[in-house]
Amino acid sequence: MIQVTNTITKSKEDYLKIAIELGINDKWRQSIVNKIKKNISLLYNDLKPVKVLETFYENIVNNKYLK
């Protein structure tokens, strides 16, 4: 969505490593902040995730995932 993938993790351990790095590495944290600011409009101008969530909710309401 906003192209900030280097803060995505698959484990608690990796999450903690990134959280610590963001806390102690000012330069890296600022680069993440700048990238978010630069790409934030991508988040609000992309309706695809909203449509996917909408379809998911519709399927739940129609019990398609409960059978």
PDB file of N, CA and C in Angstrom:
ATOM      1  N   MET A   1       0.811  -1.201   0.000  1.00  0.00           N
ATOM      2  CA  MET A   1       0.000   0.000   0.000  1.00  0.00           C
ATOM      3  C   MET A   1       0.859   1.271   0.000  1.00  0.00           C
ATOM      4  N   ILE A   2       1.608   1.452   1.070  1.00  0.00           N
ATOM      5  CA  ILE A   2       2.433   2.666   1.133  1.00  0.00           C
ATOM      6  C   ILE A   2       3.906   2.350   0.944  1.00  0.00           C
ATOM      7  N   GLN A   3       4.193   1.132   0.532  1.00  0.00           N
ATOM      8  CA  GLN A   3       5.548   0.719   0.156  1.00  0.00           C
ATOM      9  C   GLN A   3       6.568   0.840   1.286  1.00  0.00           C
ATOM     10  N   VAL A   4       6.134   0.536   2.494  1.00  0.00           N
ATOM     11  CA  VAL A   4       7.038   0.490   3.642  1.00  0.00           C
ATOM     12  C   VAL A   4       7.043  -0.959   4.116  1.00  0.00           C
ATOM     13  N   THR A   5       7.798  -1.787   3.420  1.00  0.00           N
ATOM     14  CA  THR A   5       7.777  -3.218   3.703  1.00  0.00           C
ATOM     15  C   THR A   5       8.885  -3.670   4.653  1.00  0.00           C
ATOM     16  N   ASN A   6       9.861  -2.841   4.886  1.00  0.00           N
ATOM     17  CA  ASN A   6      10.970  -3.256   5.745  1.00  0.00           C
ATOM     18  C   ASN A   6      10.619  -3.216   7.234  1.00  0.00           C
ATOM     19  N   THR A   7       9.387  -2.903   7.564  1.00  0.00           N
ATOM     20  CA  THR A   7       8.946  -2.975   8.958  1.00  0.00           C
ATOM     21  C   THR A   7       7.922  -4.092   9.161  1.00  0.00           C
ATOM     22  N   ILE A   8       7.716  -4.915   8.144  1.00  0.00           N
ATOM     23  CA  ILE A   8       6.797  -6.053   8.239  1.00  0.00           C
ATOM     24  C   ILE A   8       7.586  -7.258   8.738  1.00  0.00           C
ATOM     25  N   THR A   9       7.011  -7.985   9.691  1.00  0.00           N
ATOM     26  CA  THR A   9       7.700  -9.139  10.253  1.00  0.00           C
ATOM     27  C   THR A   9       6.803 -10.373  10.226  1.00  0.00           C
ATOM     28  N   LYS A  10       7.433 -11.502  10.479  1.00  0.00           N
ATOM     29  CA  LYS A  10       6.697 -12.765  10.550  1.00  0.00           C
ATOM     30  C   LYS A  10       6.795 -13.405  11.935  1.00  0.00           C
ATOM     31  N   SER A  11       7.499 -12.763  12.829  1.00  0.00           N
ATOM     32  CA  SER A  11       7.656 -13.352  14.170  1.00  0.00           C
ATOM     33  C   SER A  11       7.728 -12.247  15.220  1.00  0.00           C
ATOM     34  N   LYS A  12       7.458 -12.635  16.436  1.00  0.00           N
ATOM     35  CA  LYS A  12       7.562 -11.691  17.554  1.00  0.00           C
ATOM     36  C   LYS A  12       8.998 -11.205  17.722  1.00  0.00           C
ATOM     37  N   GLU A  13       9.937 -12.117  17.506  1.00  0.00           N
ATOM     38  CA  GLU A  13      11.348 -11.762  17.665  1.00  0.00           C
ATOM     39  C   GLU A  13      11.755 -10.685  16.664  1.00  0.00           C
ATOM     40  N   ASP A  14      11.345 -10.852  15.404  1.00  0.00           N
ATOM     41  CA  ASP A  14      11.653  -9.844  14.383  1.00  0.00           C
ATOM     42  C   ASP A  14      10.955  -8.522  14.683  1.00  0.00           C
ATOM     43  N   TYR A  15       9.724  -8.605  15.190  1.00  0.00           N
ATOM     44  CA  TYR A  15       8.992  -7.395  15.566  1.00  0.00           C
ATOM     45  C   TYR A  15       9.778  -6.627  16.629  1.00  0.00           C
ATOM     46  N   LEU A  16      10.254  -7.337  17.616  1.00  0.00           N
ATOM     47  CA  LEU A  16      11.018  -6.683  18.681  1.00  0.00           C
ATOM     48  C   LEU A  16      12.307  -6.077  18.144  1.00  0.00           C
ATOM     49  N   LYS A  17      12.997  -6.780  17.254  1.00  0.00           N
ATOM     50  CA  LYS A  17      14.231  -6.251  16.667  1.00  0.00           C
ATOM     51  C   LYS A  17      13.960  -4.944  15.916  1.00  0.00           C
ATOM     52  N   ILE A  18      12.879  -4.930  15.140  1.00  0.00           N
ATOM     53  CA  ILE A  18      12.549  -3.722  14.377  1.00  0.00           C
ATOM     54  C   ILE A  18      12.126  -2.600  15.317  1.00  0.00           C
ATOM     55  N   ALA A  19      11.341  -2.918  16.338  1.00  0.00           N
ATOM     56  CA  ALA A  19      10.914  -1.899  17.300  1.00  0.00           C
ATOM     57  C   ALA A  19      12.118  -1.276  18.002  1.00  0.00           C
ATOM     58  N   ILE A  20      13.052  -2.108  18.391  1.00  0.00           N
ATOM     59  CA  ILE A  20      14.270  -1.604  19.054  1.00  0.00           C
ATOM     60  C   ILE A  20      15.079  -0.743  18.084  1.00  0.00           C
ATOM     61  N   GLU A  21      15.241  -1.229  16.858  1.00  0.00           N
ATOM     62  CA  GLU A  21      16.002  -0.478  15.854  1.00  0.00           C
ATOM     63  C   GLU A  21      15.361   0.882  15.582  1.00  0.00           C
ATOM     64  N   LEU A  22      14.034   0.902  15.496  1.00  0.00           N
ATOM     65  CA  LEU A  22      13.338   2.176  15.294  1.00  0.00           C
ATOM     66  C   LEU A  22      13.558   3.120  16.477  1.00  0.00           C
ATOM     67  N   GLY A  23      13.695   2.536  17.663  1.00  0.00           N
ATOM     68  CA  GLY A  23      13.909   3.348  18.864  1.00  0.00           C
ATOM     69  C   GLY A  23      15.310   3.905  18.993  1.00  0.00           C
ATOM     70  N   ILE A  24      16.303   3.194  18.473  1.00  0.00           N
ATOM     71  CA  ILE A  24      17.686   3.636  18.686  1.00  0.00           C
ATOM     72  C   ILE A  24      18.363   4.208  17.444  1.00  0.00           C
ATOM     73  N   ASN A  25      17.823   3.941  16.271  1.00  0.00           N
ATOM     74  CA  ASN A  25      18.469   4.384  15.034  1.00  0.00           C
ATOM     75  C   ASN A  25      17.669   5.543  14.432  1.00  0.00           C
ATOM     76  N   ASP A  26      18.043   6.760  14.813  1.00  0.00           N
ATOM     77  CA  ASP A  26      17.319   7.951  14.372  1.00  0.00           C
ATOM     78  C   ASP A  26      17.276   8.095  12.849  1.00  0.00           C
ATOM     79  N   LYS A  27      18.390   7.806  12.210  1.00  0.00           N
ATOM     80  CA  LYS A  27      18.472   7.968  10.755  1.00  0.00           C
ATOM     81  C   LYS A  27      17.518   7.013  10.038  1.00  0.00           C
ATOM     82  N   TRP A  28      17.509   5.739  10.467  1.00  0.00           N
ATOM     83  CA  TRP A  28      16.628   4.751   9.845  1.00  0.00           C
ATOM     84  C   TRP A  28      15.158   5.079  10.121  1.00  0.00           C
ATOM     85  N   ARG A  29      14.856   5.454  11.379  1.00  0.00           N
ATOM     86  CA  ARG A  29      13.478   5.815  11.740  1.00  0.00           C
ATOM     87  C   ARG A  29      13.005   6.992  10.903  1.00  0.00           C
ATOM     88  N   GLN A  30      13.844   7.988  10.722  1.00  0.00           N
ATOM     89  CA  GLN A  30      13.461   9.158   9.928  1.00  0.00           C
ATOM     90  C   GLN A  30      13.237   8.782   8.470  1.00  0.00           C
ATOM     91  N   SER A  31      14.023   7.831   7.958  1.00  0.00           N
ATOM     92  CA  SER A  31      13.816   7.396   6.570  1.00  0.00           C
ATOM     93  C   SER A  31      12.465   6.701   6.421  1.00  0.00           C
ATOM     94  N   ILE A  32      12.058   5.953   7.449  1.00  0.00           N
ATOM     95  CA  ILE A  32      10.741   5.305   7.430  1.00  0.00           C
ATOM     96  C   ILE A  32       9.644   6.368   7.490  1.00  0.00           C
ATOM     97  N   VAL A  33       9.800   7.324   8.374  1.00  0.00           N
ATOM     98  CA  VAL A  33       8.820   8.416   8.498  1.00  0.00           C
ATOM     99  C   VAL A  33       8.693   9.159   7.173  1.00  0.00           C
ATOM    100  N   ASN A  34       9.824   9.471   6.549  1.00  0.00           N
ATOM    101  CA  ASN A  34       9.792  10.201   5.272  1.00  0.00           C
ATOM    102  C   ASN A  34       9.098   9.398   4.178  1.00  0.00           C
ATOM    103  N   LYS A  35       9.356   8.087   4.143  1.00  0.00           N
ATOM    104  CA  LYS A  35       8.719   7.245   3.133  1.00  0.00           C
ATOM    105  C   LYS A  35       7.206   7.183   3.358  1.00  0.00           C
ATOM    106  N   ILE A  36       6.781   7.084   4.609  1.00  0.00           N
ATOM    107  CA  ILE A  36       5.349   7.076   4.925  1.00  0.00           C
ATOM    108  C   ILE A  36       4.715   8.392   4.487  1.00  0.00           C
ATOM    109  N   LYS A  37       5.350   9.502   4.830  1.00  0.00           N
ATOM    110  CA  LYS A  37       4.812  10.816   4.439  1.00  0.00           C
ATOM    111  C   LYS A  37       4.716  10.947   2.925  1.00  0.00           C
ATOM    112  N   LYS A  38       5.739  10.457   2.230  1.00  0.00           N
ATOM    113  CA  LYS A  38       5.772  10.552   0.776  1.00  0.00           C
ATOM    114  C   LYS A  38       4.658   9.730   0.127  1.00  0.00           C
ATOM    115  N   ASN A  39       4.363   8.562   0.703  1.00  0.00           N
ATOM    116  CA  ASN A  39       3.444   7.625   0.073  1.00  0.00           C
ATOM    117  C   ASN A  39       2.066   7.540   0.716  1.00  0.00           C
ATOM    118  N   ILE A  40       1.782   8.376   1.677  1.00  0.00           N
ATOM    119  CA  ILE A  40       0.511   8.279   2.403  1.00  0.00           C
ATOM    120  C   ILE A  40      -0.704   8.428   1.483  1.00  0.00           C
ATOM    121  N   SER A  41      -0.556   9.193   0.427  1.00  0.00           N
ATOM    122  CA  SER A  41      -1.689   9.367  -0.490  1.00  0.00           C
ATOM    123  C   SER A  41      -2.042   8.052  -1.184  1.00  0.00           C
ATOM    124  N   LEU A  42      -1.064   7.147  -1.326  1.00  0.00           N
ATOM    125  CA  LEU A  42      -1.338   5.838  -1.921  1.00  0.00           C
ATOM    126  C   LEU A  42      -2.349   5.059  -1.087  1.00  0.00           C
ATOM    127  N   LEU A  43      -2.289   5.241   0.201  1.00  0.00           N
ATOM    128  CA  LEU A  43      -3.194   4.544   1.107  1.00  0.00           C
ATOM    129  C   LEU A  43      -4.631   5.008   0.912  1.00  0.00           C
ATOM    130  N   TYR A  44      -4.821   6.288   0.770  1.00  0.00           N
ATOM    131  CA  TYR A  44      -6.166   6.834   0.676  1.00  0.00           C
ATOM    132  C   TYR A  44      -6.727   6.824  -0.732  1.00  0.00           C
ATOM    133  N   ASN A  45      -5.883   6.679  -1.719  1.00  0.00           N
ATOM    134  CA  ASN A  45      -6.357   6.682  -3.102  1.00  0.00           C
ATOM    135  C   ASN A  45      -6.522   5.277  -3.676  1.00  0.00           C
ATOM    136  N   ASP A  46      -6.252   4.258  -2.880  1.00  0.00           N
ATOM    137  CA  ASP A  46      -6.340   2.867  -3.339  1.00  0.00           C
ATOM    138  C   ASP A  46      -7.566   2.211  -2.719  1.00  0.00           C
ATOM    139  N   LEU A  47      -8.580   1.992  -3.524  1.00  0.00           N
ATOM    140  CA  LEU A  47      -9.817   1.401  -3.012  1.00  0.00           C
ATOM    141  C   LEU A  47      -9.792  -0.128  -3.011  1.00  0.00           C
ATOM    142  N   LYS A  48      -8.781  -0.731  -3.591  1.00  0.00           N
ATOM    143  CA  LYS A  48      -8.727  -2.190  -3.664  1.00  0.00           C
ATOM    144  C   LYS A  48      -8.806  -2.854  -2.279  1.00  0.00           C
ATOM    145  N   PRO A  49      -8.014  -2.426  -1.284  1.00  0.00           N
ATOM    146  CA  PRO A  49      -8.118  -3.063   0.037  1.00  0.00           C
ATOM    147  C   PRO A  49      -9.502  -2.904   0.660  1.00  0.00           C
ATOM    148  N   VAL A  50     -10.136  -1.785   0.413  1.00  0.00           N
ATOM    149  CA  VAL A  50     -11.479  -1.558   0.945  1.00  0.00           C
ATOM    150  C   VAL A  50     -12.462  -2.530   0.302  1.00  0.00           C
ATOM    151  N   LYS A  51     -12.344  -2.722  -1.014  1.00  0.00           N
ATOM    152  CA  LYS A  51     -13.228  -3.641  -1.732  1.00  0.00           C
ATOM    153  C   LYS A  51     -13.018  -5.084  -1.267  1.00  0.00           C
ATOM    154  N   VAL A  52     -11.765  -5.471  -1.043  1.00  0.00           N
ATOM    155  CA  VAL A  52     -11.474  -6.824  -0.565  1.00  0.00           C
ATOM    156  C   VAL A  52     -12.089  -7.036   0.814  1.00  0.00           C
ATOM    157  N   LEU A  53     -11.956  -6.061   1.695  1.00  0.00           N
ATOM    158  CA  LEU A  53     -12.543  -6.156   3.025  1.00  0.00           C
ATOM    159  C   LEU A  53     -14.069  -6.201   2.935  1.00  0.00           C
ATOM    160  N   GLU A  54     -14.620  -5.413   2.061  1.00  0.00           N
ATOM    161  CA  GLU A  54     -16.067  -5.406   1.854  1.00  0.00           C
ATOM    162  C   GLU A  54     -16.555  -6.789   1.421  1.00  0.00           C
ATOM    163  N   THR A  55     -15.858  -7.403   0.479  1.00  0.00           N
ATOM    164  CA  THR A  55     -16.222  -8.741   0.010  1.00  0.00           C
ATOM    165  C   THR A  55     -16.106  -9.761   1.137  1.00  0.00           C
ATOM    166  N   PHE A  56     -15.050  -9.652   1.921  1.00  0.00           N
ATOM    167  CA  PHE A  56     -14.874 -10.539   3.069  1.00  0.00           C
ATOM    168  C   PHE A  56     -16.054 -10.432   4.028  1.00  0.00           C
ATOM    169  N   TYR A  57     -16.445  -9.224   4.372  1.00  0.00           N
ATOM    170  CA  TYR A  57     -17.583  -9.030   5.283  1.00  0.00           C
ATOM    171  C   TYR A  57     -18.878  -9.567   4.679  1.00  0.00           C
ATOM    172  N   GLU A  58     -19.070  -9.339   3.405  1.00  0.00           N
ATOM    173  CA  GLU A  58     -20.270  -9.861   2.754  1.00  0.00           C
ATOM    174  C   GLU A  58     -20.302 -11.381   2.810  1.00  0.00           C
ATOM    175  N   ASN A  59     -19.154 -11.998   2.605  1.00  0.00           N
ATOM    176  CA  ASN A  59     -19.081 -13.461   2.667  1.00  0.00           C
ATOM    177  C   ASN A  59     -19.345 -13.989   4.088  1.00  0.00           C
ATOM    178  N   ILE A  60     -18.853 -13.273   5.063  1.00  0.00           N
ATOM    179  CA  ILE A  60     -19.105 -13.665   6.450  1.00  0.00           C
ATOM    180  C   ILE A  60     -20.599 -13.559   6.739  1.00  0.00           C
ATOM    181  N   VAL A  61     -21.201 -12.465   6.356  1.00  0.00           N
ATOM    182  CA  VAL A  61     -22.622 -12.274   6.586  1.00  0.00           C
ATOM    183  C   VAL A  61     -23.439 -13.358   5.893  1.00  0.00           C
ATOM    184  N   ASN A  62     -22.988 -13.766   4.729  1.00  0.00           N
ATOM    185  CA  ASN A  62     -23.693 -14.803   3.970  1.00  0.00           C
ATOM    186  C   ASN A  62     -23.242 -16.211   4.342  1.00  0.00           C
ATOM    187  N   ASN A  63     -22.458 -16.318   5.415  1.00  0.00           N
ATOM    188  CA  ASN A  63     -21.996 -17.596   5.968  1.00  0.00           C
ATOM    189  C   ASN A  63     -21.119 -18.406   5.021  1.00  0.00           C
ATOM    190  N   LYS A  64     -20.490 -17.802   4.065  1.00  0.00           N
ATOM    191  CA  LYS A  64     -19.672 -18.569   3.126  1.00  0.00           C
ATOM    192  C   LYS A  64     -18.418 -19.117   3.784  1.00  0.00           C
ATOM    193  N   TYR A  65     -17.938 -18.472   4.844  1.00  0.00           N
ATOM    194  CA  TYR A  65     -16.736 -18.950   5.499  1.00  0.00           C
ATOM    195  C   TYR A  65     -17.064 -19.850   6.688  1.00  0.00           C
ATOM    196  N   LEU A  66     -18.297 -19.958   7.030  1.00  0.00           N
ATOM    197  CA  LEU A  66     -18.680 -20.730   8.206  1.00  0.00           C
ATOM    198  C   LEU A  66     -19.111 -22.153   7.854  1.00  0.00           C
ATOM    199  N   LYS A  67     -19.168 -22.489   6.593  1.00  0.00           N
ATOM    200  CA  LYS A  67     -19.613 -23.834   6.187  1.00  0.00           C
ATOM    201  C   LYS A  67     -18.451 -24.730   5.900  1.00  0.00           C
TER     202      LYS A  67
END
